[in-house]
Amino acid sequence: AAGVAQRPAPARSMQQKETLFLVFRFLDASRLSCAGSVCSVWRNAAADERLWMWLYLGSELSKPSVMPGSWRKDFIQKQRLTNNWLRGRHSATVCEGHLK
């Protein structure tokens, strides 16, 4: 039908995703998240775990002792914790246990 958007063929779709991967791997986490909000194709490409593993392992965040279930979620969580710590958005809690 004329004027109706068609889904890309599977081979073309894979090629498009790999092309986006090659471009997206040059983005930092903030820009990658922003790119993922452009459209569904870009969102799927930006959610590629390989990109987040690349960012995670190339960052100064402490490296995981085991492979995380989601590199993206783990990266974002550790990045938030690090940023909050560096900006002084934390409080110390003293835990007291049994004295005997």
N, C-alpha and C. Protein backbone atom coordinates (compact mmCIF):
# COMPACT_ATOMS: atom_id res chain seq x y z
N ALA A 1 0.84 -1.18 0.00
CA ALA A 1 0.00 0.00 0.00
C ALA A 1 0.88 1.23 0.00
N ALA A 2 0.51 2.20 -0.80
CA ALA A 2 1.27 3.44 -0.92
C ALA A 2 1.16 4.26 0.36
N GLY A 3 2.28 4.81 0.80
CA GLY A 3 2.27 5.68 1.98
C GLY A 3 2.33 4.94 3.31
N VAL A 4 2.34 3.62 3.26
CA VAL A 4 2.39 2.83 4.50
C VAL A 4 3.83 2.39 4.72
N ALA A 5 4.35 2.69 5.91
CA ALA A 5 5.73 2.30 6.23
C ALA A 5 5.83 0.78 6.31
N GLN A 6 6.86 0.25 5.72
CA GLN A 6 7.07 -1.19 5.75
C GLN A 6 8.25 -1.50 6.66
N ARG A 7 8.16 -2.64 7.30
CA ARG A 7 9.27 -3.07 8.15
C ARG A 7 10.43 -3.50 7.26
N PRO A 8 11.65 -3.24 7.71
CA PRO A 8 12.80 -3.68 6.91
C PRO A 8 12.90 -5.20 6.89
N ALA A 9 13.44 -5.72 5.82
CA ALA A 9 13.65 -7.15 5.71
C ALA A 9 14.64 -7.58 6.79
N PRO A 10 14.56 -8.84 7.29
CA PRO A 10 15.43 -9.28 8.38
C PRO A 10 16.92 -9.05 8.12
N ALA A 11 17.39 -9.35 6.92
CA ALA A 11 18.82 -9.15 6.61
C ALA A 11 19.18 -7.67 6.67
N ARG A 12 18.33 -6.85 6.13
CA ARG A 12 18.56 -5.40 6.15
C ARG A 12 18.50 -4.87 7.57
N SER A 13 17.58 -5.41 8.34
CA SER A 13 17.44 -5.00 9.73
C SER A 13 18.70 -5.34 10.52
N MET A 14 19.27 -6.53 10.31
CA MET A 14 20.51 -6.92 11.00
C MET A 14 21.66 -6.02 10.58
N GLN A 15 21.72 -5.72 9.29
CA GLN A 15 22.78 -4.85 8.78
C GLN A 15 22.65 -3.47 9.40
N GLN A 16 21.43 -2.98 9.51
CA GLN A 16 21.18 -1.68 10.10
C GLN A 16 21.60 -1.67 11.57
N LYS A 17 21.27 -2.73 12.30
CA LYS A 17 21.63 -2.81 13.72
C LYS A 17 23.14 -2.84 13.89
N GLU A 18 23.83 -3.61 13.06
CA GLU A 18 25.29 -3.68 13.16
C GLU A 18 25.94 -2.35 12.79
N THR A 19 25.38 -1.65 11.82
CA THR A 19 25.90 -0.33 11.45
C THR A 19 25.73 0.64 12.62
N LEU A 20 24.55 0.62 13.24
CA LEU A 20 24.32 1.47 14.40
C LEU A 20 25.26 1.10 15.54
N PHE A 21 25.52 -0.18 15.73
CA PHE A 21 26.46 -0.62 16.75
C PHE A 21 27.84 0.01 16.52
N LEU A 22 28.30 -0.03 15.28
CA LEU A 22 29.62 0.53 14.96
C LEU A 22 29.69 2.02 15.24
N VAL A 23 28.59 2.72 15.03
CA VAL A 23 28.54 4.16 15.31
C VAL A 23 28.37 4.41 16.80
N PHE A 24 27.45 3.68 17.42
CA PHE A 24 27.13 3.91 18.84
C PHE A 24 28.28 3.59 19.78
N ARG A 25 29.20 2.74 19.37
CA ARG A 25 30.29 2.40 20.30
C ARG A 25 31.24 3.57 20.53
N PHE A 26 31.10 4.64 19.76
CA PHE A 26 31.91 5.84 19.99
C PHE A 26 31.23 6.83 20.93
N LEU A 27 30.01 6.52 21.37
CA LEU A 27 29.26 7.43 22.24
C LEU A 27 29.53 7.12 23.70
N ASP A 28 29.44 8.17 24.52
CA ASP A 28 29.51 7.94 25.97
C ASP A 28 28.12 7.51 26.43
N ALA A 29 28.00 7.16 27.71
CA ALA A 29 26.74 6.61 28.23
C ALA A 29 25.58 7.58 28.09
N SER A 30 25.83 8.86 28.34
CA SER A 30 24.78 9.86 28.24
C SER A 30 24.26 9.99 26.82
N ARG A 31 25.17 10.06 25.87
CA ARG A 31 24.77 10.20 24.47
C ARG A 31 24.14 8.92 23.92
N LEU A 32 24.61 7.77 24.41
CA LEU A 32 24.03 6.49 24.00
C LEU A 32 22.58 6.39 24.48
N SER A 33 22.34 6.80 25.71
CA SER A 33 20.97 6.80 26.24
C SER A 33 20.09 7.75 25.44
N CYS A 34 20.64 8.89 25.10
CA CYS A 34 19.89 9.88 24.31
C CYS A 34 19.57 9.33 22.92
N ALA A 35 20.55 8.69 22.29
CA ALA A 35 20.33 8.10 20.96
C ALA A 35 19.24 7.03 21.02
N GLY A 36 19.17 6.32 22.13
CA GLY A 36 18.16 5.28 22.30
C GLY A 36 16.75 5.80 22.38
N SER A 37 16.60 7.11 22.55
CA SER A 37 15.25 7.68 22.63
C SER A 37 14.75 8.22 21.29
N VAL A 38 15.53 8.05 20.23
CA VAL A 38 15.15 8.58 18.92
C VAL A 38 13.99 7.81 18.29
N CYS A 39 14.11 6.50 18.24
CA CYS A 39 13.06 5.66 17.64
C CYS A 39 13.28 4.22 18.11
N SER A 40 12.36 3.34 17.78
CA SER A 40 12.45 1.96 18.27
C SER A 40 13.68 1.23 17.72
N VAL A 41 14.06 1.49 16.48
CA VAL A 41 15.23 0.84 15.90
C VAL A 41 16.48 1.26 16.67
N TRP A 42 16.61 2.57 16.91
CA TRP A 42 17.77 3.07 17.65
C TRP A 42 17.73 2.61 19.11
N ARG A 43 16.53 2.52 19.70
CA ARG A 43 16.41 2.05 21.09
C ARG A 43 16.92 0.62 21.20
N ASN A 44 16.52 -0.23 20.27
CA ASN A 44 16.99 -1.62 20.28
C ASN A 44 18.50 -1.70 20.08
N ALA A 45 19.02 -0.87 19.18
CA ALA A 45 20.47 -0.87 18.93
C ALA A 45 21.23 -0.35 20.14
N ALA A 46 20.72 0.69 20.80
CA ALA A 46 21.39 1.28 21.96
C ALA A 46 21.31 0.37 23.19
N ALA A 47 20.40 -0.57 23.19
CA ALA A 47 20.28 -1.51 24.31
C ALA A 47 21.20 -2.72 24.15
N ASP A 48 21.96 -2.77 23.09
CA ASP A 48 22.88 -3.88 22.83
C ASP A 48 23.86 -4.02 24.01
N GLU A 49 23.85 -5.15 24.65
CA GLU A 49 24.70 -5.38 25.82
C GLU A 49 26.19 -5.22 25.52
N ARG A 50 26.58 -5.46 24.26
CA ARG A 50 27.99 -5.30 23.90
C ARG A 50 28.44 -3.86 24.07
N LEU A 51 27.55 -2.91 23.74
CA LEU A 51 27.89 -1.50 23.91
C LEU A 51 28.10 -1.15 25.37
N TRP A 52 27.22 -1.65 26.23
CA TRP A 52 27.31 -1.34 27.66
C TRP A 52 28.48 -2.04 28.31
N MET A 53 28.82 -3.24 27.84
CA MET A 53 30.01 -3.92 28.35
C MET A 53 31.26 -3.12 27.96
N TRP A 54 31.28 -2.64 26.73
CA TRP A 54 32.38 -1.83 26.22
C TRP A 54 32.56 -0.58 27.08
N LEU A 55 31.44 0.11 27.38
CA LEU A 55 31.49 1.31 28.22
C LEU A 55 31.96 0.97 29.63
N TYR A 56 31.39 -0.09 30.18
CA TYR A 56 31.69 -0.50 31.56
C TYR A 56 33.17 -0.82 31.72
N LEU A 57 33.67 -1.68 30.86
CA LEU A 57 35.05 -2.12 30.99
C LEU A 57 36.05 -1.02 30.64
N GLY A 58 35.62 -0.03 29.86
CA GLY A 58 36.49 1.09 29.52
C GLY A 58 36.40 2.24 30.51
N SER A 59 35.52 2.12 31.49
CA SER A 59 35.34 3.19 32.46
C SER A 59 36.25 2.98 33.67
N GLU A 60 36.22 3.94 34.57
CA GLU A 60 37.00 3.83 35.80
C GLU A 60 36.16 3.23 36.93
N LEU A 61 34.98 2.73 36.61
CA LEU A 61 34.16 2.07 37.63
C LEU A 61 34.82 0.77 38.04
N SER A 62 34.56 0.35 39.27
CA SER A 62 35.12 -0.93 39.71
C SER A 62 34.55 -2.03 38.83
N LYS A 63 35.40 -2.95 38.45
CA LYS A 63 34.99 -4.01 37.56
C LYS A 63 34.22 -5.08 38.33
N PRO A 64 33.21 -5.67 37.69
CA PRO A 64 32.42 -6.70 38.39
C PRO A 64 33.24 -7.96 38.62
N SER A 65 33.00 -8.61 39.74
CA SER A 65 33.71 -9.86 40.02
C SER A 65 33.06 -11.03 39.26
N VAL A 66 31.80 -10.87 38.95
CA VAL A 66 31.09 -11.85 38.12
C VAL A 66 30.41 -11.09 37.00
N MET A 67 30.11 -11.79 35.93
CA MET A 67 29.45 -11.13 34.81
C MET A 67 28.04 -10.72 35.22
N PRO A 68 27.72 -9.42 35.09
CA PRO A 68 26.37 -8.99 35.49
C PRO A 68 25.29 -9.54 34.57
N GLY A 69 24.08 -9.60 35.09
CA GLY A 69 22.95 -10.04 34.28
C GLY A 69 22.68 -9.06 33.15
N SER A 70 22.90 -7.78 33.42
CA SER A 70 22.73 -6.74 32.41
C SER A 70 23.86 -5.73 32.59
N TRP A 71 24.73 -5.64 31.59
CA TRP A 71 25.82 -4.68 31.65
C TRP A 71 25.27 -3.27 31.74
N ARG A 72 24.18 -3.00 31.03
CA ARG A 72 23.59 -1.66 31.01
C ARG A 72 23.09 -1.27 32.40
N LYS A 73 22.30 -2.14 33.01
CA LYS A 73 21.74 -1.82 34.34
C LYS A 73 22.84 -1.68 35.37
N ASP A 74 23.82 -2.57 35.34
CA ASP A 74 24.90 -2.51 36.30
C ASP A 74 25.74 -1.25 36.10
N PHE A 75 26.03 -0.90 34.84
CA PHE A 75 26.80 0.31 34.55
C PHE A 75 26.07 1.55 35.08
N ILE A 76 24.78 1.66 34.77
CA ILE A 76 24.01 2.83 35.19
C ILE A 76 23.95 2.92 36.71
N GLN A 77 23.75 1.80 37.38
CA GLN A 77 23.68 1.81 38.84
C GLN A 77 25.01 2.25 39.46
N LYS A 78 26.11 1.68 38.98
CA LYS A 78 27.42 2.05 39.54
C LYS A 78 27.78 3.49 39.18
N GLN A 79 27.40 3.95 38.00
CA GLN A 79 27.68 5.33 37.60
C GLN A 79 26.93 6.30 38.52
N ARG A 80 25.67 6.00 38.84
CA ARG A 80 24.90 6.83 39.76
C ARG A 80 25.52 6.87 41.14
N LEU A 81 25.89 5.69 41.65
CA LEU A 81 26.52 5.62 42.97
C LEU A 81 27.81 6.43 43.00
N THR A 82 28.63 6.28 41.97
CA THR A 82 29.89 7.02 41.90
C THR A 82 29.65 8.52 41.84
N ASN A 83 28.72 8.95 40.99
CA ASN A 83 28.41 10.38 40.88
C ASN A 83 27.89 10.94 42.18
N ASN A 84 27.00 10.22 42.85
CA ASN A 84 26.47 10.68 44.13
C ASN A 84 27.58 10.79 45.17
N TRP A 85 28.48 9.82 45.18
CA TRP A 85 29.58 9.84 46.13
C TRP A 85 30.48 11.04 45.87
N LEU A 86 30.84 11.25 44.61
CA LEU A 86 31.74 12.36 44.26
C LEU A 86 31.12 13.73 44.52
N ARG A 87 29.82 13.83 44.42
CA ARG A 87 29.13 15.11 44.65
C ARG A 87 28.73 15.30 46.12
N GLY A 88 29.12 14.36 46.95
CA GLY A 88 28.82 14.48 48.37
C GLY A 88 27.38 14.16 48.74
N ARG A 89 26.69 13.50 47.85
CA ARG A 89 25.29 13.12 48.12
C ARG A 89 25.23 11.74 48.77
N HIS A 90 25.77 11.68 49.96
CA HIS A 90 25.76 10.43 50.70
C HIS A 90 25.80 10.74 52.19
N SER A 91 25.51 9.77 52.97
CA SER A 91 25.62 9.94 54.41
C SER A 91 26.22 8.67 55.00
N ALA A 92 26.96 8.86 56.07
CA ALA A 92 27.58 7.72 56.73
C ALA A 92 26.64 7.19 57.80
N THR A 93 26.56 5.89 57.89
CA THR A 93 25.74 5.26 58.92
C THR A 93 26.65 4.35 59.75
N VAL A 94 26.59 4.52 61.04
CA VAL A 94 27.39 3.69 61.92
C VAL A 94 26.50 2.58 62.44
N CYS A 95 26.90 1.37 62.19
CA CYS A 95 26.13 0.22 62.66
C CYS A 95 26.81 -0.33 63.91
N GLU A 96 26.04 -0.49 64.93
CA GLU A 96 26.59 -1.01 66.17
C GLU A 96 26.04 -2.42 66.38
N GLY A 97 26.95 -3.33 66.65
CA GLY A 97 26.54 -4.71 66.84
C GLY A 97 26.54 -5.07 68.33
N HIS A 98 26.57 -6.32 68.58
CA HIS A 98 26.61 -6.80 69.97
C HIS A 98 27.98 -6.52 70.56
N LEU A 99 28.00 -6.12 71.81
CA LEU A 99 29.26 -5.84 72.47
C LEU A 99 29.88 -7.07 73.09
N LYS A 100 29.11 -8.09 73.29
CA LYS A 100 29.64 -9.31 73.94
C LYS A 100 30.08 -10.34 72.94
